[in-house]
PDB file of N, CA and C in Angstrom:
ATOM      1  N   UNK A   1      59.773  43.898 -34.931  1.00  0.00           N
ATOM      2  CA  UNK A   1      60.430  44.996 -34.273  1.00  0.00           C
ATOM      3  C   UNK A   1      61.469  45.536 -34.913  1.00  0.00           C
ATOM      4  N   UNK A   2      61.531  46.952 -35.072  1.00  0.00           N
ATOM      5  CA  UNK A   2      62.318  47.695 -35.873  1.00  0.00           C
ATOM      6  C   UNK A   2      63.632  47.678 -35.147  1.00  0.00           C
ATOM      7  N   UNK A   3      64.777  48.096 -35.989  1.00  0.00           N
ATOM      8  CA  UNK A   3      66.047  47.945 -35.424  1.00  0.00           C
ATOM      9  C   UNK A   3      66.203  49.090 -34.322  1.00  0.00           C
ATOM     10  N   UNK A   4      65.830  50.095 -34.424  1.00  0.00           N
ATOM     11  CA  UNK A   4      65.693  51.163 -33.329  1.00  0.00           C
ATOM     12  C   UNK A   4      65.233  50.658 -31.983  1.00  0.00           C
ATOM     13  N   UNK A   5      64.024  49.772 -32.034  1.00  0.00           N
ATOM     14  CA  UNK A   5      63.506  49.399 -30.797  1.00  0.00           C
ATOM     15  C   UNK A   5      64.359  48.358 -30.139  1.00  0.00           C
ATOM     16  N   UNK A   6      65.026  47.462 -31.137  1.00  0.00           N
ATOM     17  CA  UNK A   6      65.930  46.377 -30.668  1.00  0.00           C
ATOM     18  C   UNK A   6      67.008  47.011 -29.906  1.00  0.00           C
ATOM     19  N   UNK A   7      67.667  48.173 -30.627  1.00  0.00           N
ATOM     20  CA  UNK A   7      68.739  48.626 -30.044  1.00  0.00           C
ATOM     21  C   UNK A   7      68.482  49.360 -28.532  1.00  0.00           C
ATOM     22  N   UNK A   8      67.403  49.981 -28.551  1.00  0.00           N
ATOM     23  CA  UNK A   8      66.593  50.487 -27.245  1.00  0.00           C
ATOM     24  C   UNK A   8      66.558  49.562 -26.177  1.00  0.00           C
ATOM     25  N   UNK A   9      66.138  48.259 -26.548  1.00  0.00           N
ATOM     26  CA  UNK A   9      65.869  47.428 -25.721  1.00  0.00           C
ATOM     27  C   UNK A   9      67.397  46.794 -25.136  1.00  0.00           C
ATOM     28  N   UNK A  10      68.202  46.424 -26.084  1.00  0.00           N
ATOM     29  CA  UNK A  10      69.735  46.200 -25.731  1.00  0.00           C
ATOM     30  C   UNK A  10      70.200  47.263 -24.583  1.00  0.00           C
ATOM     31  N   UNK A  11      70.035  48.562 -24.933  1.00  0.00           N
ATOM     32  CA  UNK A  11      70.389  49.458 -24.115  1.00  0.00           C
ATOM     33  C   UNK A  11      69.938  49.429 -22.488  1.00  0.00           C
ATOM     34  N   UNK A  12      68.590  49.114 -22.600  1.00  0.00           N
ATOM     35  CA  UNK A  12      67.933  48.940 -21.283  1.00  0.00           C
ATOM     36  C   UNK A  12      68.730  47.966 -20.567  1.00  0.00           C
ATOM     37  N   UNK A  13      68.898  46.631 -21.381  1.00  0.00           N
ATOM     38  CA  UNK A  13      69.493  45.643 -20.593  1.00  0.00           C
ATOM     39  C   UNK A  13      70.893  46.020 -20.137  1.00  0.00           C
ATOM     40  N   UNK A  14      71.750  46.486 -20.950  1.00  0.00           N
ATOM     41  CA  UNK A  14      73.061  47.106 -20.459  1.00  0.00           C
ATOM     42  C   UNK A  14      73.009  47.854 -19.212  1.00  0.00           C
ATOM     43  N   UNK A  15      72.122  48.821 -19.205  1.00  0.00           N
ATOM     44  CA  UNK A  15      71.789  49.617 -18.060  1.00  0.00           C
ATOM     45  C   UNK A  15      71.597  48.842 -16.905  1.00  0.00           C
ATOM     46  N   UNK A  16      70.686  47.776 -17.028  1.00  0.00           N
ATOM     47  CA  UNK A  16      70.330  46.997 -15.791  1.00  0.00           C
ATOM     48  C   UNK A  16      71.402  46.163 -15.334  1.00  0.00           C
ATOM     49  N   UNK A  17      72.281  45.553 -16.187  1.00  0.00           N
ATOM     50  CA  UNK A  17      73.343  45.017 -15.810  1.00  0.00           C
ATOM     51  C   UNK A  17      74.471  45.596 -15.205  1.00  0.00           C
ATOM     52  N   UNK A  18      74.722  46.914 -15.757  1.00  0.00           N
ATOM     53  CA  UNK A  18      75.578  47.855 -15.119  1.00  0.00           C
ATOM     54  C   UNK A  18      75.172  47.988 -13.597  1.00  0.00           C
ATOM     55  N   UNK A  19      73.794  48.410 -13.349  1.00  0.00           N
ATOM     56  CA  UNK A  19      73.469  48.681 -12.101  1.00  0.00           C
ATOM     57  C   UNK A  19      73.794  47.473 -11.307  1.00  0.00           C
ATOM     58  N   UNK A  20      73.171  46.468 -11.669  1.00  0.00           N
ATOM     59  CA  UNK A  20      73.409  45.147 -10.893  1.00  0.00           C
ATOM     60  C   UNK A  20      74.883  44.799 -10.454  1.00  0.00           C
ATOM     61  N   UNK A  21      75.735  45.371 -11.484  1.00  0.00           N
ATOM     62  CA  UNK A  21      77.217  45.175 -11.007  1.00  0.00           C
ATOM     63  C   UNK A  21      77.792  46.110 -10.229  1.00  0.00           C
ATOM     64  N   UNK A  22      76.844  47.127  -9.588  1.00  0.00           N
ATOM     65  CA  UNK A  22      77.252  48.192  -8.641  1.00  0.00           C
ATOM     66  C   UNK A  22      77.595  49.473  -9.312  1.00  0.00           C
ATOM     67  N   UNK A  23      77.552  49.864 -10.323  1.00  0.00           N
ATOM     68  CA  UNK A  23      77.740  51.082 -11.099  1.00  0.00           C
ATOM     69  C   UNK A  23      76.568  52.151 -10.736  1.00  0.00           C
ATOM     70  N   UNK A  24      77.085  53.365 -10.397  1.00  0.00           N
ATOM     71  CA  UNK A  24      75.966  54.287  -9.909  1.00  0.00           C
ATOM     72  C   UNK A  24      75.163  54.734 -11.121  1.00  0.00           C
ATOM     73  N   UNK A  25      73.852  55.363 -10.859  1.00  0.00           N
ATOM     74  CA  UNK A  25      73.034  55.931 -11.897  1.00  0.00           C
ATOM     75  C   UNK A  25      73.753  56.766 -12.672  1.00  0.00           C
ATOM     76  N   UNK A  26      74.571  57.675 -11.973  1.00  0.00           N
ATOM     77  CA  UNK A  26      75.213  58.822 -12.713  1.00  0.00           C
ATOM     78  C   UNK A  26      76.132  58.369 -13.692  1.00  0.00           C
ATOM     79  N   UNK A  27      77.098  57.396 -13.216  1.00  0.00           N
ATOM     80  CA  UNK A  27      78.167  56.868 -14.008  1.00  0.00           C
ATOM     81  C   UNK A  27      77.492  56.044 -15.133  1.00  0.00           C
ATOM     82  N   UNK A  28      76.289  55.377 -15.038  1.00  0.00           N
ATOM     83  CA  UNK A  28      75.671  54.583 -16.023  1.00  0.00           C
ATOM     84  C   UNK A  28      75.079  55.762 -17.229  1.00  0.00           C
ATOM     85  N   UNK A  29      74.695  56.690 -16.665  1.00  0.00           N
ATOM     86  CA  UNK A  29      74.074  57.725 -17.669  1.00  0.00           C
ATOM     87  C   UNK A  29      75.254  58.279 -18.595  1.00  0.00           C
ATOM     88  N   UNK A  30      76.443  58.534 -17.946  1.00  0.00           N
ATOM     89  CA  UNK A  30      77.412  59.019 -18.668  1.00  0.00           C
ATOM     90  C   UNK A  30      78.041  57.807 -19.540  1.00  0.00           C
ATOM     91  N   UNK A  31      78.028  56.719 -19.131  1.00  0.00           N
ATOM     92  CA  UNK A  31      78.701  55.668 -20.175  1.00  0.00           C
ATOM     93  C   UNK A  31      77.592  55.544 -21.256  1.00  0.00           C
ATOM     94  N   UNK A  32      76.112  55.456 -21.159  1.00  0.00           N
ATOM     95  CA  UNK A  32      75.256  55.003 -22.056  1.00  0.00           C
ATOM     96  C   UNK A  32      74.582  56.423 -22.733  1.00  0.00           C
ATOM     97  N   UNK A  33      75.108  57.579 -22.424  1.00  0.00           N
ATOM     98  CA  UNK A  33      74.646  58.764 -22.848  1.00  0.00           C
ATOM     99  C   UNK A  33      73.276  59.075 -22.672  1.00  0.00           C
ATOM    100  N   UNK A  34      72.773  58.981 -21.439  1.00  0.00           N
ATOM    101  CA  UNK A  34      71.251  59.148 -21.097  1.00  0.00           C
ATOM    102  C   UNK A  34      71.320  59.695 -19.689  1.00  0.00           C
ATOM    103  N   UNK A  35      70.267  60.295 -19.169  1.00  0.00           N
ATOM    104  CA  UNK A  35      70.022  60.991 -17.925  1.00  0.00           C
ATOM    105  C   UNK A  35      70.030  59.862 -16.843  1.00  0.00           C
ATOM    106  N   UNK A  36      70.548  60.370 -15.660  1.00  0.00           N
ATOM    107  CA  UNK A  36      70.537  59.276 -14.578  1.00  0.00           C
ATOM    108  C   UNK A  36      69.075  59.005 -14.280  1.00  0.00           C
ATOM    109  N   UNK A  37      68.149  60.239 -14.389  1.00  0.00           N
ATOM    110  CA  UNK A  37      66.774  59.873 -14.034  1.00  0.00           C
ATOM    111  C   UNK A  37      66.182  58.725 -14.969  1.00  0.00           C
ATOM    112  N   UNK A  38      66.581  58.545 -16.242  1.00  0.00           N
ATOM    113  CA  UNK A  38      66.155  57.543 -17.083  1.00  0.00           C
ATOM    114  C   UNK A  38      66.544  56.191 -16.655  1.00  0.00           C
ATOM    115  N   UNK A  39      67.825  56.160 -16.082  1.00  0.00           N
ATOM    116  CA  UNK A  39      68.603  54.993 -15.531  1.00  0.00           C
ATOM    117  C   UNK A  39      67.699  54.580 -14.323  1.00  0.00           C
ATOM    118  N   UNK A  40      67.423  55.586 -13.401  1.00  0.00           N
ATOM    119  CA  UNK A  40      66.762  55.161 -12.244  1.00  0.00           C
ATOM    120  C   UNK A  40      65.435  54.562 -12.509  1.00  0.00           C
ATOM    121  N   UNK A  41      64.568  55.269 -13.503  1.00  0.00           N
ATOM    122  CA  UNK A  41      63.454  54.760 -13.933  1.00  0.00           C
ATOM    123  C   UNK A  41      63.363  53.331 -14.590  1.00  0.00           C
ATOM    124  N   UNK A  42      64.412  53.141 -15.475  1.00  0.00           N
ATOM    125  CA  UNK A  42      64.481  51.778 -15.989  1.00  0.00           C
ATOM    126  C   UNK A  42      64.896  50.809 -14.997  1.00  0.00           C
ATOM    127  N   UNK A  43      65.639  51.104 -13.933  1.00  0.00           N
ATOM    128  CA  UNK A  43      66.004  50.166 -12.877  1.00  0.00           C
ATOM    129  C   UNK A  43      64.671  49.824 -12.035  1.00  0.00           C
ATOM    130  N   UNK A  44      63.900  50.684 -11.680  1.00  0.00           N
ATOM    131  CA  UNK A  44      62.693  50.758 -11.015  1.00  0.00           C
ATOM    132  C   UNK A  44      61.608  49.951 -11.665  1.00  0.00           C
ATOM    133  N   UNK A  45      61.404  49.942 -12.994  1.00  0.00           N
ATOM    134  CA  UNK A  45      60.669  49.463 -13.766  1.00  0.00           C
ATOM    135  C   UNK A  45      60.957  47.750 -13.919  1.00  0.00           C
ATOM    136  N   UNK A  46      62.458  47.526 -14.036  1.00  0.00           N
ATOM    137  CA  UNK A  46      62.808  46.150 -13.926  1.00  0.00           C
ATOM    138  C   UNK A  46      62.425  45.425 -12.523  1.00  0.00           C
ATOM    139  N   UNK A  47      62.724  46.264 -11.501  1.00  0.00           N
ATOM    140  CA  UNK A  47      62.766  45.724 -10.220  1.00  0.00           C
ATOM    141  C   UNK A  47      61.146  45.403  -9.866  1.00  0.00           C
ATOM    142  N   UNK A  48      60.292  46.230 -10.440  1.00  0.00           N
ATOM    143  CA  UNK A  48      58.855  46.095 -10.110  1.00  0.00           C
ATOM    144  C   UNK A  48      58.375  44.735 -10.679  1.00  0.00           C
ATOM    145  N   UNK A  49      58.928  44.284 -11.553  1.00  0.00           N
ATOM    146  CA  UNK A  49      58.734  42.882 -12.266  1.00  0.00           C
ATOM    147  C   UNK A  49      59.492  41.687 -11.772  1.00  0.00           C
ATOM    148  N   UNK A  50      60.330  42.043 -10.505  1.00  0.00           N
ATOM    149  CA  UNK A  50      60.849  40.923  -9.949  1.00  0.00           C
ATOM    150  C   UNK A  50      59.930  40.425  -8.936  1.00  0.00           C
ATOM    151  N   UNK A  51      60.106  39.024  -8.379  1.00  0.00           N
ATOM    152  CA  UNK A  51      59.120  38.592  -7.442  1.00  0.00           C
ATOM    153  C   UNK A  51      59.632  39.091  -6.059  1.00  0.00           C
ATOM    154  N   UNK A  52      58.623  39.268  -5.034  1.00  0.00           N
ATOM    155  CA  UNK A  52      58.872  39.762  -3.793  1.00  0.00           C
ATOM    156  C   UNK A  52      60.011  39.060  -3.033  1.00  0.00           C
ATOM    157  N   UNK A  53      60.920  39.433  -2.516  1.00  0.00           N
ATOM    158  CA  UNK A  53      61.982  39.003  -1.730  1.00  0.00           C
ATOM    159  C   UNK A  53      61.638  38.238  -0.471  1.00  0.00           C
ATOM    160  N   UNK A  54      60.603  38.903   0.193  1.00  0.00           N
ATOM    161  CA  UNK A  54      60.132  38.614   1.558  1.00  0.00           C
ATOM    162  C   UNK A  54      59.235  37.267   1.372  1.00  0.00           C
ATOM    163  N   UNK A  55      58.799  37.047  -0.046  1.00  0.00           N
ATOM    164  CA  UNK A  55      58.037  35.801   0.208  1.00  0.00           C
ATOM    165  C   UNK A  55      58.985  34.530  -0.119  1.00  0.00           C
ATOM    166  N   UNK A  56      60.205  34.739  -0.263  1.00  0.00           N
ATOM    167  CA  UNK A  56      61.250  33.695  -0.237  1.00  0.00           C
ATOM    168  C   UNK A  56      61.918  33.485   1.161  1.00  0.00           C
ATOM    169  N   UNK A  57      61.699  34.029   2.020  1.00  0.00           N
ATOM    170  CA  UNK A  57      62.289  33.909   3.353  1.00  0.00           C
ATOM    171  C   UNK A  57      61.845  32.700   4.200  1.00  0.00           C
ATOM    172  N   UNK A  58      62.704  31.986   4.379  1.00  0.00           N
ATOM    173  CA  UNK A  58      62.417  30.870   5.203  1.00  0.00           C
ATOM    174  C   UNK A  58      62.974  30.827   6.741  1.00  0.00           C
ATOM    175  N   UNK A  59      62.508  30.143   7.546  1.00  0.00           N
ATOM    176  CA  UNK A  59      63.228  30.190   9.019  1.00  0.00           C
ATOM    177  C   UNK A  59      64.234  29.365   8.880  1.00  0.00           C
ATOM    178  N   UNK A  60      65.150  29.619   9.628  1.00  0.00           N
ATOM    179  CA  UNK A  60      66.493  28.907   9.843  1.00  0.00           C
ATOM    180  C   UNK A  60      66.404  27.946  10.963  1.00  0.00           C
ATOM    181  N   UNK A  61      66.904  26.739  10.712  1.00  0.00           N
ATOM    182  CA  UNK A  61      66.658  25.766  11.797  1.00  0.00           C
ATOM    183  C   UNK A  61      68.060  25.481  12.373  1.00  0.00           C
ATOM    184  N   UNK A  62      69.231  25.947  11.511  1.00  0.00           N
ATOM    185  CA  UNK A  62      70.563  25.929  12.268  1.00  0.00           C
ATOM    186  C   UNK A  62      71.234  27.011  12.169  1.00  0.00           C
ATOM    187  N   UNK A  63      71.799  27.331  13.294  1.00  0.00           N
ATOM    188  CA  UNK A  63      72.559  28.678  13.418  1.00  0.00           C
ATOM    189  C   UNK A  63      74.033  28.416  13.581  1.00  0.00           C
ATOM    190  N   UNK A  64      74.913  29.089  12.705  1.00  0.00           N
ATOM    191  CA  UNK A  64      76.336  28.823  12.763  1.00  0.00           C
ATOM    192  C   UNK A  64      76.897  30.104  13.573  1.00  0.00           C
ATOM    193  N   UNK A  65      77.752  29.671  14.659  1.00  0.00           N
ATOM    194  CA  UNK A  65      78.371  30.874  15.471  1.00  0.00           C
ATOM    195  C   UNK A  65      79.637  30.878  15.027  1.00  0.00           C
ATOM    196  N   UNK A  66      80.219  32.246  14.995  1.00  0.00           N
ATOM    197  CA  UNK A  66      81.456  32.725  14.764  1.00  0.00           C
ATOM    198  C   UNK A  66      82.545  32.490  15.888  1.00  0.00           C
ATOM    199  N   UNK A  67      83.738  31.622  15.421  1.00  0.00           N
ATOM    200  CA  UNK A  67      84.560  31.638  16.662  1.00  0.00           C
ATOM    201  C   UNK A  67      85.121  32.883  17.131  1.00  0.00           C
ATOM    202  N   UNK A  68      84.912  33.854  16.351  1.00  0.00           N
ATOM    203  CA  UNK A  68      85.633  35.130  17.130  1.00  0.00           C
ATOM    204  C   UNK A  68      84.925  35.597  18.430  1.00  0.00           C
ATOM    205  N   UNK A  69      83.740  34.983  18.680  1.00  0.00           N
ATOM    206  CA  UNK A  69      82.912  35.323  19.804  1.00  0.00           C
ATOM    207  C   UNK A  69      83.700  34.887  21.015  1.00  0.00           C
ATOM    208  N   UNK A  70      84.166  33.698  20.937  1.00  0.00           N
ATOM    209  CA  UNK A  70      85.102  33.034  22.021  1.00  0.00           C
ATOM    210  C   UNK A  70      86.305  33.963  22.438  1.00  0.00           C
ATOM    211  N   UNK A  71      86.858  34.520  21.553  1.00  0.00           N
ATOM    212  CA  UNK A  71      87.940  35.339  21.610  1.00  0.00           C
ATOM    213  C   UNK A  71      87.470  36.632  22.454  1.00  0.00           C
ATOM    214  N   UNK A  72      86.421  37.267  21.839  1.00  0.00           N
ATOM    215  CA  UNK A  72      86.162  38.514  22.547  1.00  0.00           C
ATOM    216  C   UNK A  72      85.467  38.193  23.885  1.00  0.00           C
ATOM    217  N   UNK A  73      84.897  37.165  24.057  1.00  0.00           N
ATOM    218  CA  UNK A  73      84.288  36.705  25.423  1.00  0.00           C
ATOM    219  C   UNK A  73      85.448  36.678  26.273  1.00  0.00           C
ATOM    220  N   UNK A  74      86.536  35.860  25.851  1.00  0.00           N
ATOM    221  CA  UNK A  74      87.942  35.700  26.767  1.00  0.00           C
ATOM    222  C   UNK A  74      88.450  37.186  27.009  1.00  0.00           C
ATOM    223  N   UNK A  75      88.522  37.854  26.154  1.00  0.00           N
ATOM    224  CA  UNK A  75      89.124  39.162  26.300  1.00  0.00           C
ATOM    225  C   UNK A  75      88.259  40.232  26.862  1.00  0.00           C
ATOM    226  N   UNK A  76      86.946  39.945  27.114  1.00  0.00           N
ATOM    227  CA  UNK A  76      86.173  40.923  27.713  1.00  0.00           C
ATOM    228  C   UNK A  76      86.594  41.679  28.994  1.00  0.00           C
ATOM    229  N   UNK A  77      86.967  40.787  29.794  1.00  0.00           N
ATOM    230  CA  UNK A  77      87.792  41.310  31.149  1.00  0.00           C
ATOM    231  C   UNK A  77      88.746  42.369  30.916  1.00  0.00           C
ATOM    232  N   UNK A  78      89.627  42.008  30.046  1.00  0.00           N
ATOM    233  CA  UNK A  78      90.829  42.912  29.611  1.00  0.00           C
ATOM    234  C   UNK A  78      90.318  44.013  28.962  1.00  0.00           C
ATOM    235  N   UNK A  79      89.229  44.036  27.948  1.00  0.00           N
ATOM    236  CA  UNK A  79      88.912  45.028  27.181  1.00  0.00           C
ATOM    237  C   UNK A  79      87.832  46.116  28.031  1.00  0.00           C
ATOM    238  N   UNK A  80      87.225  45.480  29.055  1.00  0.00           N
ATOM    239  CA  UNK A  80      86.086  46.127  29.717  1.00  0.00           C
ATOM    240  C   UNK A  80      85.161  46.370  28.758  1.00  0.00           C
ATOM    241  N   UNK A  81      84.565  45.431  28.004  1.00  0.00           N
ATOM    242  CA  UNK A  81      83.411  45.805  27.037  1.00  0.00           C
ATOM    243  C   UNK A  81      82.160  46.318  27.387  1.00  0.00           C
ATOM    244  N   UNK A  82      81.944  46.177  28.886  1.00  0.00           N
ATOM    245  CA  UNK A  82      80.688  46.781  29.353  1.00  0.00           C
ATOM    246  C   UNK A  82      80.760  48.014  29.673  1.00  0.00           C
ATOM    247  N   UNK A  83      81.945  48.619  29.777  1.00  0.00           N
ATOM    248  CA  UNK A  83      81.973  50.195  29.868  1.00  0.00           C
ATOM    249  C   UNK A  83      82.411  50.897  28.750  1.00  0.00           C
ATOM    250  N   UNK A  84      82.617  50.244  27.525  1.00  0.00           N
ATOM    251  CA  UNK A  84      83.062  50.729  26.221  1.00  0.00           C
ATOM    252  C   UNK A  84      84.312  51.535  26.426  1.00  0.00           C
ATOM    253  N   UNK A  85      85.334  50.995  27.311  1.00  0.00           N
ATOM    254  CA  UNK A  85      86.648  51.523  27.372  1.00  0.00           C
ATOM    255  C   UNK A  85      87.513  50.460  27.091  1.00  0.00           C
ATOM    256  N   UNK A  86      88.645  50.787  26.492  1.00  0.00           N
ATOM    257  CA  UNK A  86      89.766  49.813  26.242  1.00  0.00           C
ATOM    258  C   UNK A  86      90.940  49.744  27.237  1.00  0.00           C
TER     259      UNK A  86
END
């Protein structure tokens, strides 16, 4: 592999890492001196190689309830939640 191809591959990896860190397409383009369209295409190509997330979904047998519900339930009469008025 030539040096240019290695540098290009490293740039793609940096782009993907930046995107996964929450940086926008436009900002990545500015940082890496490439077009946001190229960033979007590289991210899409990378994502197509990932396994489907829906295949990993399992049904839950345990449900955890938030204790805030009890507070809201208690205060529902005072807040009149049914009529959407405070």
